[in-house]
């Protein structure tokens, strides 16, 4: 499913397994997990409830630094992000394709790098669908 520039997929695993499998796959590909934010726990900390929801921030400085040097505003959307949440008895995984991010910031001349990043995001999320 493609919703407002986000790609949304349904995981075949539980929420916890999905988060773990994705972070393991990220690291296995030589990327760094910069943060894994448990947004449901943050909500609970202020007395609110939220379905299980985790935002994983990850990347590889070798890929993103050149983009940020040439197009500083793209750093607003880097590092890469994956969102995992429970919904209607299932688990969803979503990301914004780099092609959409690049369009947002008028990034030009980086089609090969952006395409490789989009292929990596797609392959990564396919590990759980």
Protein backbone atom coordinates (compact mmCIF):
# COMPACT_ATOMS: atom_id res chain seq x y z
CA UNK A 1 0.00 0.00 0.00
CA UNK A 2 1.25 3.49 -0.81
CA UNK A 3 -0.34 6.18 1.36
CA UNK A 4 0.60 9.85 0.91
CA UNK A 5 4.14 8.99 -0.17
CA UNK A 6 4.59 6.36 2.53
CA UNK A 7 4.96 2.68 1.71
CA UNK A 8 2.99 0.56 4.20
CA UNK A 9 3.40 -3.21 4.42
CA UNK A 10 1.90 -5.87 6.68
CA UNK A 11 4.34 -7.98 8.68
CA UNK A 12 3.84 -11.71 9.06
CA UNK A 13 5.40 -11.54 12.54
CA UNK A 14 4.31 -10.22 15.91
CA UNK A 15 5.10 -6.64 16.82
CA UNK A 16 8.13 -7.49 18.97
CA UNK A 17 9.46 -9.98 16.41
CA UNK A 18 9.02 -7.45 13.62
CA UNK A 19 11.00 -4.77 15.45
CA UNK A 20 13.74 -7.27 16.32
CA UNK A 21 13.98 -8.78 12.84
CA UNK A 22 14.17 -5.35 11.25
CA UNK A 23 16.88 -4.08 13.60
CA UNK A 24 18.83 -7.31 13.12
CA UNK A 25 18.55 -6.98 9.34
CA UNK A 26 19.62 -3.33 9.47
CA UNK A 27 22.77 -4.23 11.39
CA UNK A 28 23.46 -7.28 9.21
CA UNK A 29 23.64 -4.98 6.18
CA UNK A 30 26.32 -2.87 7.88
CA UNK A 31 24.05 -0.02 8.91
CA UNK A 32 23.79 1.64 12.29
CA UNK A 33 20.63 1.77 14.39
CA UNK A 34 20.89 5.28 15.80
CA UNK A 35 17.72 5.04 17.90
CA UNK A 36 14.70 2.86 18.47
CA UNK A 37 11.96 4.98 19.99
CA UNK A 38 9.17 3.18 21.81
CA UNK A 39 6.46 5.75 21.25
CA UNK A 40 3.86 3.79 23.23
CA UNK A 41 6.15 3.85 26.28
CA UNK A 42 6.65 7.60 25.84
CA UNK A 43 2.89 8.10 25.74
CA UNK A 44 2.45 5.96 28.84
CA UNK A 45 5.04 8.12 30.59
CA UNK A 46 2.68 11.10 30.35
CA UNK A 47 -0.48 9.16 31.21
CA UNK A 48 -1.66 8.48 27.65
CA UNK A 49 -2.15 5.27 25.72
CA UNK A 50 -0.91 4.41 22.27
CA UNK A 51 -0.94 1.11 20.43
CA UNK A 52 2.51 -0.55 20.34
CA UNK A 53 4.48 1.79 18.08
CA UNK A 54 8.23 1.99 17.47
CA UNK A 55 10.19 4.37 15.25
CA UNK A 56 13.58 3.01 14.19
CA UNK A 57 16.17 5.54 12.99
CA UNK A 58 19.04 4.02 11.06
CA UNK A 59 21.48 4.51 8.25
CA UNK A 60 25.01 4.57 7.03
CA UNK A 61 26.98 7.82 7.06
CA UNK A 62 28.67 6.71 3.82
CA UNK A 63 25.32 6.98 2.06
CA UNK A 64 23.76 9.99 3.73
CA UNK A 65 26.67 12.36 4.26
CA UNK A 66 27.17 13.16 0.58
CA UNK A 67 23.47 13.93 0.22
CA UNK A 68 23.55 16.23 3.24
CA UNK A 69 26.69 17.98 1.97
CA UNK A 70 25.04 18.75 -1.36
CA UNK A 71 21.48 19.29 -0.07
CA UNK A 72 21.56 20.35 3.61
CA UNK A 73 17.77 20.29 4.08
CA UNK A 74 17.60 16.56 3.37
CA UNK A 75 19.07 16.13 6.86
CA UNK A 76 15.57 16.89 8.14
CA UNK A 77 14.61 13.41 6.87
CA UNK A 78 17.86 11.56 7.50
CA UNK A 79 18.71 9.17 9.00
CA UNK A 80 16.29 6.74 7.43
CA UNK A 81 13.23 5.75 9.45
CA UNK A 82 10.99 2.74 9.75
CA UNK A 83 7.72 2.87 11.66
CA UNK A 84 6.31 -0.33 13.17
CA UNK A 85 2.89 -0.46 14.83
CA UNK A 86 0.06 -2.80 15.73
CA UNK A 87 -3.24 -2.24 13.97
CA UNK A 88 -6.42 -4.32 13.69
CA UNK A 89 -4.76 -7.46 15.02
CA UNK A 90 -1.78 -7.19 12.68
CA UNK A 91 1.54 -5.41 12.46
CA UNK A 92 2.35 -2.68 9.94
CA UNK A 93 5.72 -1.41 8.75
CA UNK A 94 6.10 1.88 6.91
CA UNK A 95 8.73 4.12 5.39
CA UNK A 96 8.91 7.16 3.14
CA UNK A 97 10.74 6.35 -0.10
CA UNK A 98 13.87 8.39 -0.71
CA UNK A 99 12.45 9.44 -4.07
CA UNK A 100 9.66 11.27 -2.20
CA UNK A 101 12.14 12.76 0.28
CA UNK A 102 14.36 13.93 -2.59
CA UNK A 103 11.40 15.57 -4.33
CA UNK A 104 10.55 17.42 -1.11
CA UNK A 105 13.99 19.07 -1.08
CA UNK A 106 14.59 19.41 -4.83
CA UNK A 107 17.48 16.94 -4.79
CA UNK A 108 18.85 16.45 -8.29
CA UNK A 109 21.62 14.41 -9.85
CA UNK A 110 21.46 11.68 -7.19
CA UNK A 111 19.17 9.18 -8.91
CA UNK A 112 21.54 6.22 -8.58
CA UNK A 113 22.15 6.75 -4.85
CA UNK A 114 18.48 7.43 -4.12
CA UNK A 115 17.42 4.40 -6.14
CA UNK A 116 19.83 2.19 -4.20
CA UNK A 117 18.47 3.54 -0.91
CA UNK A 118 14.88 2.87 -2.04
CA UNK A 119 15.81 -0.67 -3.10
CA UNK A 120 17.44 -1.23 0.30
CA UNK A 121 14.35 0.05 2.16
CA UNK A 122 12.11 -2.19 0.09
CA UNK A 123 14.32 -5.26 0.59
CA UNK A 124 14.66 -4.58 4.30
CA UNK A 125 10.92 -4.33 4.86
CA UNK A 126 10.33 -7.38 2.65
CA UNK A 127 12.22 -9.45 5.23
CA UNK A 128 9.14 -9.28 7.48
CA UNK A 129 6.29 -9.44 4.97
